[in-house]
Amino acid sequence: MRITKIKPLDELLKMSKEELFEYLKESEISMHPTDSIEVVPFEHGTKILYYHKDQTKPYKTRAYLNKIEDSEMLK
């Protein structure tokens, strides 16, 4: 069982793609070494799409939302 400390979004966004891939590989049980990821920023955060090798449809999507005080969502 993998147990890693979840990092905040601002820390994830500062990582290079290689660092992010290594972090996700350690923290995501379903991720295989041959998988790939795509980082997609959106208005209130970032989505990470997980792809198995040679697949065009992601098998998993994870969204990281900005802190509420950093967002216009509540206004």
PDB file of N, CA and C in Angstrom:
ATOM      1  N   MET A   1       0.836  -1.174   0.000  1.00  0.00           N
ATOM      2  CA  MET A   1       0.000   0.000   0.000  1.00  0.00           C
ATOM      3  C   MET A   1       0.884   1.241   0.000  1.00  0.00           C
ATOM      4  N   ARG A   2       0.593   2.157  -0.909  1.00  0.00           N
ATOM      5  CA  ARG A   2       1.366   3.399  -0.997  1.00  0.00           C
ATOM      6  C   ARG A   2       0.710   4.469  -0.147  1.00  0.00           C
ATOM      7  N   ILE A   3       1.499   5.110   0.684  1.00  0.00           N
ATOM      8  CA  ILE A   3       0.998   6.215   1.486  1.00  0.00           C
ATOM      9  C   ILE A   3       1.962   7.373   1.301  1.00  0.00           C
ATOM     10  N   THR A   4       1.449   8.450   0.715  1.00  0.00           N
ATOM     11  CA  THR A   4       2.267   9.644   0.538  1.00  0.00           C
ATOM     12  C   THR A   4       1.463  10.850   1.012  1.00  0.00           C
ATOM     13  N   LYS A   5       2.180  11.876   1.419  1.00  0.00           N
ATOM     14  CA  LYS A   5       1.516  13.096   1.846  1.00  0.00           C
ATOM     15  C   LYS A   5       1.005  13.825   0.613  1.00  0.00           C
ATOM     16  N   ILE A   6      -0.271  14.216   0.642  1.00  0.00           N
ATOM     17  CA  ILE A   6      -0.854  14.943  -0.481  1.00  0.00           C
ATOM     18  C   ILE A   6      -0.304  16.359  -0.479  1.00  0.00           C
ATOM     19  N   LYS A   7       0.193  16.768  -1.626  1.00  0.00           N
ATOM     20  CA  LYS A   7       0.781  18.098  -1.743  1.00  0.00           C
ATOM     21  C   LYS A   7      -0.282  19.092  -2.194  1.00  0.00           C
ATOM     22  N   PRO A   8      -0.183  20.342  -1.762  1.00  0.00           N
ATOM     23  CA  PRO A   8      -1.150  21.364  -2.189  1.00  0.00           C
ATOM     24  C   PRO A   8      -0.971  21.712  -3.665  1.00  0.00           C
ATOM     25  N   LEU A   9      -2.031  22.238  -4.266  1.00  0.00           N
ATOM     26  CA  LEU A   9      -2.038  22.559  -5.690  1.00  0.00           C
ATOM     27  C   LEU A   9      -0.899  23.488  -6.076  1.00  0.00           C
ATOM     28  N   ASP A  10      -0.637  24.523  -5.288  1.00  0.00           N
ATOM     29  CA  ASP A  10       0.421  25.467  -5.662  1.00  0.00           C
ATOM     30  C   ASP A  10       1.777  24.782  -5.745  1.00  0.00           C
ATOM     31  N   GLU A  11       1.987  23.779  -4.913  1.00  0.00           N
ATOM     32  CA  GLU A  11       3.245  23.022  -4.969  1.00  0.00           C
ATOM     33  C   GLU A  11       3.279  22.116  -6.211  1.00  0.00           C
ATOM     34  N   LEU A  12       2.144  21.508  -6.532  1.00  0.00           N
ATOM     35  CA  LEU A  12       2.071  20.656  -7.729  1.00  0.00           C
ATOM     36  C   LEU A  12       2.319  21.465  -8.998  1.00  0.00           C
ATOM     37  N   LEU A  13       1.785  22.682  -9.047  1.00  0.00           N
ATOM     38  CA  LEU A  13       1.929  23.512 -10.244  1.00  0.00           C
ATOM     39  C   LEU A  13       3.366  23.980 -10.461  1.00  0.00           C
ATOM     40  N   LYS A  14       4.168  24.013  -9.400  1.00  0.00           N
ATOM     41  CA  LYS A  14       5.569  24.426  -9.514  1.00  0.00           C
ATOM     42  C   LYS A  14       6.469  23.295 -10.004  1.00  0.00           C
ATOM     43  N   MET A  15       5.955  22.052  -9.979  1.00  0.00           N
ATOM     44  CA  MET A  15       6.762  20.888 -10.380  1.00  0.00           C
ATOM     45  C   MET A  15       6.906  20.831 -11.899  1.00  0.00           C
ATOM     46  N   SER A  16       8.027  20.308 -12.352  1.00  0.00           N
ATOM     47  CA  SER A  16       8.179  20.029 -13.771  1.00  0.00           C
ATOM     48  C   SER A  16       7.310  18.816 -14.099  1.00  0.00           C
ATOM     49  N   LYS A  17       7.106  18.560 -15.376  1.00  0.00           N
ATOM     50  CA  LYS A  17       6.276  17.413 -15.761  1.00  0.00           C
ATOM     51  C   LYS A  17       6.887  16.106 -15.243  1.00  0.00           C
ATOM     52  N   GLU A  18       8.207  15.998 -15.264  1.00  0.00           N
ATOM     53  CA  GLU A  18       8.881  14.793 -14.773  1.00  0.00           C
ATOM     54  C   GLU A  18       8.681  14.624 -13.265  1.00  0.00           C
ATOM     55  N   GLU A  19       8.818  15.724 -12.509  1.00  0.00           N
ATOM     56  CA  GLU A  19       8.606  15.667 -11.062  1.00  0.00           C
ATOM     57  C   GLU A  19       7.160  15.303 -10.736  1.00  0.00           C
ATOM     58  N   LEU A  20       6.218  15.898 -11.471  1.00  0.00           N
ATOM     59  CA  LEU A  20       4.807  15.602 -11.259  1.00  0.00           C
ATOM     60  C   LEU A  20       4.512  14.139 -11.565  1.00  0.00           C
ATOM     61  N   PHE A  21       5.069  13.629 -12.649  1.00  0.00           N
ATOM     62  CA  PHE A  21       4.864  12.229 -13.005  1.00  0.00           C
ATOM     63  C   PHE A  21       5.387  11.305 -11.906  1.00  0.00           C
ATOM     64  N   GLU A  22       6.574  11.596 -11.372  1.00  0.00           N
ATOM     65  CA  GLU A  22       7.142  10.779 -10.296  1.00  0.00           C
ATOM     66  C   GLU A  22       6.284  10.848  -9.035  1.00  0.00           C
ATOM     67  N   TYR A  23       5.816  12.039  -8.686  1.00  0.00           N
ATOM     68  CA  TYR A  23       4.950  12.192  -7.519  1.00  0.00           C
ATOM     69  C   TYR A  23       3.664  11.387  -7.699  1.00  0.00           C
ATOM     70  N   LEU A  24       3.039  11.499  -8.865  1.00  0.00           N
ATOM     71  CA  LEU A  24       1.792  10.779  -9.117  1.00  0.00           C
ATOM     72  C   LEU A  24       2.016   9.272  -9.162  1.00  0.00           C
ATOM     73  N   LYS A  25       3.155   8.858  -9.700  1.00  0.00           N
ATOM     74  CA  LYS A  25       3.472   7.427  -9.756  1.00  0.00           C
ATOM     75  C   LYS A  25       3.567   6.847  -8.346  1.00  0.00           C
ATOM     76  N   GLU A  26       4.098   7.623  -7.415  1.00  0.00           N
ATOM     77  CA  GLU A  26       4.226   7.175  -6.030  1.00  0.00           C
ATOM     78  C   GLU A  26       2.904   7.232  -5.272  1.00  0.00           C
ATOM     79  N   SER A  27       2.030   8.170  -5.641  1.00  0.00           N
ATOM     80  CA  SER A  27       0.808   8.373  -4.864  1.00  0.00           C
ATOM     81  C   SER A  27      -0.441   7.716  -5.456  1.00  0.00           C
ATOM     82  N   GLU A  28      -0.416   7.345  -6.710  1.00  0.00           N
ATOM     83  CA  GLU A  28      -1.586   6.759  -7.371  1.00  0.00           C
ATOM     84  C   GLU A  28      -1.379   5.266  -7.569  1.00  0.00           C
ATOM     85  N   ILE A  29      -2.184   4.464  -6.900  1.00  0.00           N
ATOM     86  CA  ILE A  29      -2.063   3.011  -6.974  1.00  0.00           C
ATOM     87  C   ILE A  29      -2.352   2.498  -8.387  1.00  0.00           C
ATOM     88  N   SER A  30      -3.298   3.127  -9.081  1.00  0.00           N
ATOM     89  CA  SER A  30      -3.716   2.629 -10.391  1.00  0.00           C
ATOM     90  C   SER A  30      -2.751   2.984 -11.518  1.00  0.00           C
ATOM     91  N   MET A  31      -1.764   3.817 -11.255  1.00  0.00           N
ATOM     92  CA  MET A  31      -0.855   4.276 -12.306  1.00  0.00           C
ATOM     93  C   MET A  31       0.271   3.275 -12.550  1.00  0.00           C
ATOM     94  N   HIS A  32       0.474   2.947 -13.819  1.00  0.00           N
ATOM     95  CA  HIS A  32       1.538   2.033 -14.228  1.00  0.00           C
ATOM     96  C   HIS A  32       2.713   2.830 -14.784  1.00  0.00           C
ATOM     97  N   PRO A  33       3.915   2.265 -14.776  1.00  0.00           N
ATOM     98  CA  PRO A  33       5.093   2.991 -15.293  1.00  0.00           C
ATOM     99  C   PRO A  33       4.969   3.375 -16.771  1.00  0.00           C
ATOM    100  N   THR A  34       4.150   2.664 -17.533  1.00  0.00           N
ATOM    101  CA  THR A  34       3.992   2.976 -18.964  1.00  0.00           C
ATOM    102  C   THR A  34       2.875   3.974 -19.232  1.00  0.00           C
ATOM    103  N   ASP A  35       2.151   4.380 -18.187  1.00  0.00           N
ATOM    104  CA  ASP A  35       1.065   5.344 -18.360  1.00  0.00           C
ATOM    105  C   ASP A  35       1.627   6.730 -18.637  1.00  0.00           C
ATOM    106  N   SER A  36       0.752   7.597 -19.140  1.00  0.00           N
ATOM    107  CA  SER A  36       1.135   8.990 -19.346  1.00  0.00           C
ATOM    108  C   SER A  36       0.082   9.876 -18.679  1.00  0.00           C
ATOM    109  N   ILE A  37       0.447  11.129 -18.465  1.00  0.00           N
ATOM    110  CA  ILE A  37      -0.474  12.077 -17.862  1.00  0.00           C
ATOM    111  C   ILE A  37      -0.546  13.322 -18.732  1.00  0.00           C
ATOM    112  N   GLU A  38      -1.661  14.014 -18.611  1.00  0.00           N
ATOM    113  CA  GLU A  38      -1.824  15.309 -19.272  1.00  0.00           C
ATOM    114  C   GLU A  38      -2.322  16.283 -18.217  1.00  0.00           C
ATOM    115  N   VAL A  39      -1.677  17.420 -18.095  1.00  0.00           N
ATOM    116  CA  VAL A  39      -2.070  18.441 -17.132  1.00  0.00           C
ATOM    117  C   VAL A  39      -2.857  19.509 -17.884  1.00  0.00           C
ATOM    118  N   VAL A  40      -4.114  19.735 -17.433  1.00  0.00           N
ATOM    119  CA  VAL A  40      -5.007  20.668 -18.108  1.00  0.00           C
ATOM    120  C   VAL A  40      -5.465  21.734 -17.109  1.00  0.00           C
ATOM    121  N   PRO A  41      -4.939  22.959 -17.234  1.00  0.00           N
ATOM    122  CA  PRO A  41      -5.408  24.025 -16.345  1.00  0.00           C
ATOM    123  C   PRO A  41      -6.822  24.456 -16.736  1.00  0.00           C
ATOM    124  N   PHE A  42      -7.633  24.823 -15.758  1.00  0.00           N
ATOM    125  CA  PHE A  42      -8.942  25.413 -16.041  1.00  0.00           C
ATOM    126  C   PHE A  42      -9.165  26.553 -15.059  1.00  0.00           C
ATOM    127  N   GLU A  43     -10.266  27.265 -15.204  1.00  0.00           N
ATOM    128  CA  GLU A  43     -10.474  28.514 -14.474  1.00  0.00           C
ATOM    129  C   GLU A  43     -10.275  28.397 -12.966  1.00  0.00           C
ATOM    130  N   HIS A  44     -10.737  27.322 -12.338  1.00  0.00           N
ATOM    131  CA  HIS A  44     -10.692  27.221 -10.879  1.00  0.00           C
ATOM    132  C   HIS A  44      -9.736  26.157 -10.374  1.00  0.00           C
ATOM    133  N   GLY A  45      -8.800  25.712 -11.209  1.00  0.00           N
ATOM    134  CA  GLY A  45      -7.845  24.717 -10.756  1.00  0.00           C
ATOM    135  C   GLY A  45      -7.129  24.032 -11.915  1.00  0.00           C
ATOM    136  N   THR A  46      -6.811  22.770 -11.708  1.00  0.00           N
ATOM    137  CA  THR A  46      -6.068  21.977 -12.691  1.00  0.00           C
ATOM    138  C   THR A  46      -6.626  20.567 -12.711  1.00  0.00           C
ATOM    139  N   LYS A  47      -6.755  20.015 -13.920  1.00  0.00           N
ATOM    140  CA  LYS A  47      -7.149  18.615 -14.066  1.00  0.00           C
ATOM    141  C   LYS A  47      -5.940  17.823 -14.519  1.00  0.00           C
ATOM    142  N   ILE A  48      -5.840  16.601 -14.011  1.00  0.00           N
ATOM    143  CA  ILE A  48      -4.800  15.689 -14.471  1.00  0.00           C
ATOM    144  C   ILE A  48      -5.507  14.478 -15.055  1.00  0.00           C
ATOM    145  N   LEU A  49      -5.205  14.197 -16.318  1.00  0.00           N
ATOM    146  CA  LEU A  49      -5.793  13.067 -17.025  1.00  0.00           C
ATOM    147  C   LEU A  49      -4.764  11.948 -17.099  1.00  0.00           C
ATOM    148  N   TYR A  50      -5.193  10.733 -16.786  1.00  0.00           N
ATOM    149  CA  TYR A  50      -4.319   9.565 -16.773  1.00  0.00           C
ATOM    150  C   TYR A  50      -4.658   8.682 -17.979  1.00  0.00           C
ATOM    151  N   TYR A  51      -3.647   8.311 -18.743  1.00  0.00           N
ATOM    152  CA  TYR A  51      -3.834   7.481 -19.931  1.00  0.00           C
ATOM    153  C   TYR A  51      -2.986   6.220 -19.832  1.00  0.00           C
ATOM    154  N   HIS A  52      -3.573   5.080 -20.179  1.00  0.00           N
ATOM    155  CA  HIS A  52      -2.775   3.869 -20.343  1.00  0.00           C
ATOM    156  C   HIS A  52      -2.028   3.986 -21.668  1.00  0.00           C
ATOM    157  N   LYS A  53      -0.971   3.240 -21.812  1.00  0.00           N
ATOM    158  CA  LYS A  53      -0.139   3.274 -23.011  1.00  0.00           C
ATOM    159  C   LYS A  53      -0.994   3.049 -24.257  1.00  0.00           C
ATOM    160  N   ASP A  54      -0.800   3.886 -25.259  1.00  0.00           N
ATOM    161  CA  ASP A  54      -1.454   3.802 -26.567  1.00  0.00           C
ATOM    162  C   ASP A  54      -2.971   3.975 -26.507  1.00  0.00           C
ATOM    163  N   GLN A  55      -3.484   4.623 -25.475  1.00  0.00           N
ATOM    164  CA  GLN A  55      -4.919   4.888 -25.370  1.00  0.00           C
ATOM    165  C   GLN A  55      -5.186   6.376 -25.575  1.00  0.00           C
ATOM    166  N   THR A  56      -6.349   6.706 -26.132  1.00  0.00           N
ATOM    167  CA  THR A  56      -6.700   8.107 -26.353  1.00  0.00           C
ATOM    168  C   THR A  56      -7.741   8.603 -25.360  1.00  0.00           C
ATOM    169  N   LYS A  57      -8.391   7.707 -24.643  1.00  0.00           N
ATOM    170  CA  LYS A  57      -9.384   8.073 -23.650  1.00  0.00           C
ATOM    171  C   LYS A  57      -8.776   7.868 -22.261  1.00  0.00           C
ATOM    172  N   PRO A  58      -8.835   8.895 -21.391  1.00  0.00           N
ATOM    173  CA  PRO A  58      -8.258   8.734 -20.057  1.00  0.00           C
ATOM    174  C   PRO A  58      -9.033   7.711 -19.229  1.00  0.00           C
ATOM    175  N   TYR A  59      -8.313   6.933 -18.425  1.00  0.00           N
ATOM    176  CA  TYR A  59      -8.959   5.977 -17.537  1.00  0.00           C
ATOM    177  C   TYR A  59      -9.272   6.611 -16.191  1.00  0.00           C
ATOM    178  N   LYS A  60      -8.697   7.795 -15.931  1.00  0.00           N
ATOM    179  CA  LYS A  60      -8.923   8.457 -14.657  1.00  0.00           C
ATOM    180  C   LYS A  60      -8.678   9.953 -14.839  1.00  0.00           C
ATOM    181  N   THR A  61      -9.479  10.748 -14.144  1.00  0.00           N
ATOM    182  CA  THR A  61      -9.293  12.196 -14.128  1.00  0.00           C
ATOM    183  C   THR A  61      -9.289  12.651 -12.683  1.00  0.00           C
ATOM    184  N   ARG A  62      -8.349  13.489 -12.348  1.00  0.00           N
ATOM    185  CA  ARG A  62      -8.284  14.030 -10.995  1.00  0.00           C
ATOM    186  C   ARG A  62      -8.270  15.554 -11.119  1.00  0.00           C
ATOM    187  N   ALA A  63      -9.073  16.236 -10.320  1.00  0.00           N
ATOM    188  CA  ALA A  63      -9.116  17.696 -10.337  1.00  0.00           C
ATOM    189  C   ALA A  63      -8.560  18.238  -9.032  1.00  0.00           C
ATOM    190  N   TYR A  64      -7.707  19.221  -9.144  1.00  0.00           N
ATOM    191  CA  TYR A  64      -7.165  19.934  -7.998  1.00  0.00           C
ATOM    192  C   TYR A  64      -7.703  21.354  -8.090  1.00  0.00           C
ATOM    193  N   LEU A  65      -8.465  21.779  -7.071  1.00  0.00           N
ATOM    194  CA  LEU A  65      -9.087  23.098  -7.095  1.00  0.00           C
ATOM    195  C   LEU A  65      -8.232  24.114  -6.344  1.00  0.00           C
ATOM    196  N   ASN A  66      -8.300  25.369  -6.813  1.00  0.00           N
ATOM    197  CA  ASN A  66      -7.612  26.452  -6.119  1.00  0.00           C
ATOM    198  C   ASN A  66      -8.233  26.648  -4.748  1.00  0.00           C
ATOM    199  N   LYS A  67      -7.486  27.256  -3.847  1.00  0.00           N
ATOM    200  CA  LYS A  67      -8.039  27.590  -2.536  1.00  0.00           C
ATOM    201  C   LYS A  67      -9.211  28.537  -2.729  1.00  0.00           C
ATOM    202  N   ILE A  68     -10.207  28.424  -1.882  1.00  0.00           N
ATOM    203  CA  ILE A  68     -11.413  29.238  -2.027  1.00  0.00           C
ATOM    204  C   ILE A  68     -11.097  30.725  -1.977  1.00  0.00           C
ATOM    205  N   GLU A  69     -10.218  31.150  -1.092  1.00  0.00           N
ATOM    206  CA  GLU A  69      -9.922  32.585  -0.999  1.00  0.00           C
ATOM    207  C   GLU A  69      -9.192  33.091  -2.241  1.00  0.00           C
ATOM    208  N   ASP A  70      -8.612  32.186  -3.047  1.00  0.00           N
ATOM    209  CA  ASP A  70      -7.933  32.584  -4.276  1.00  0.00           C
ATOM    210  C   ASP A  70      -8.886  32.601  -5.470  1.00  0.00           C
ATOM    211  N   SER A  71     -10.124  32.265  -5.263  1.00  0.00           N
ATOM    212  CA  SER A  71     -11.056  32.054  -6.350  1.00  0.00           C
ATOM    213  C   SER A  71     -12.199  33.059  -6.304  1.00  0.00           C
ATOM    214  N   GLU A  72     -12.779  33.271  -7.437  1.00  0.00           N
ATOM    215  CA  GLU A  72     -13.950  34.140  -7.564  1.00  0.00           C
ATOM    216  C   GLU A  72     -15.232  33.307  -7.464  1.00  0.00           C
ATOM    217  N   MET A  73     -15.147  32.020  -7.184  1.00  0.00           N
ATOM    218  CA  MET A  73     -16.303  31.127  -7.222  1.00  0.00           C
ATOM    219  C   MET A  73     -17.400  31.561  -6.254  1.00  0.00           C
ATOM    220  N   LEU A  74     -17.053  32.116  -5.127  1.00  0.00           N
ATOM    221  CA  LEU A  74     -18.057  32.430  -4.117  1.00  0.00           C
ATOM    222  C   LEU A  74     -18.642  33.837  -4.253  1.00  0.00           C
ATOM    223  N   LYS A  75     -18.160  34.593  -5.188  1.00  0.00           N
ATOM    224  CA  LYS A  75     -18.661  35.970  -5.346  1.00  0.00           C
ATOM    225  C   LYS A  75     -19.843  36.029  -6.262  1.00  0.00           C
TER     226      LYS A  75
END
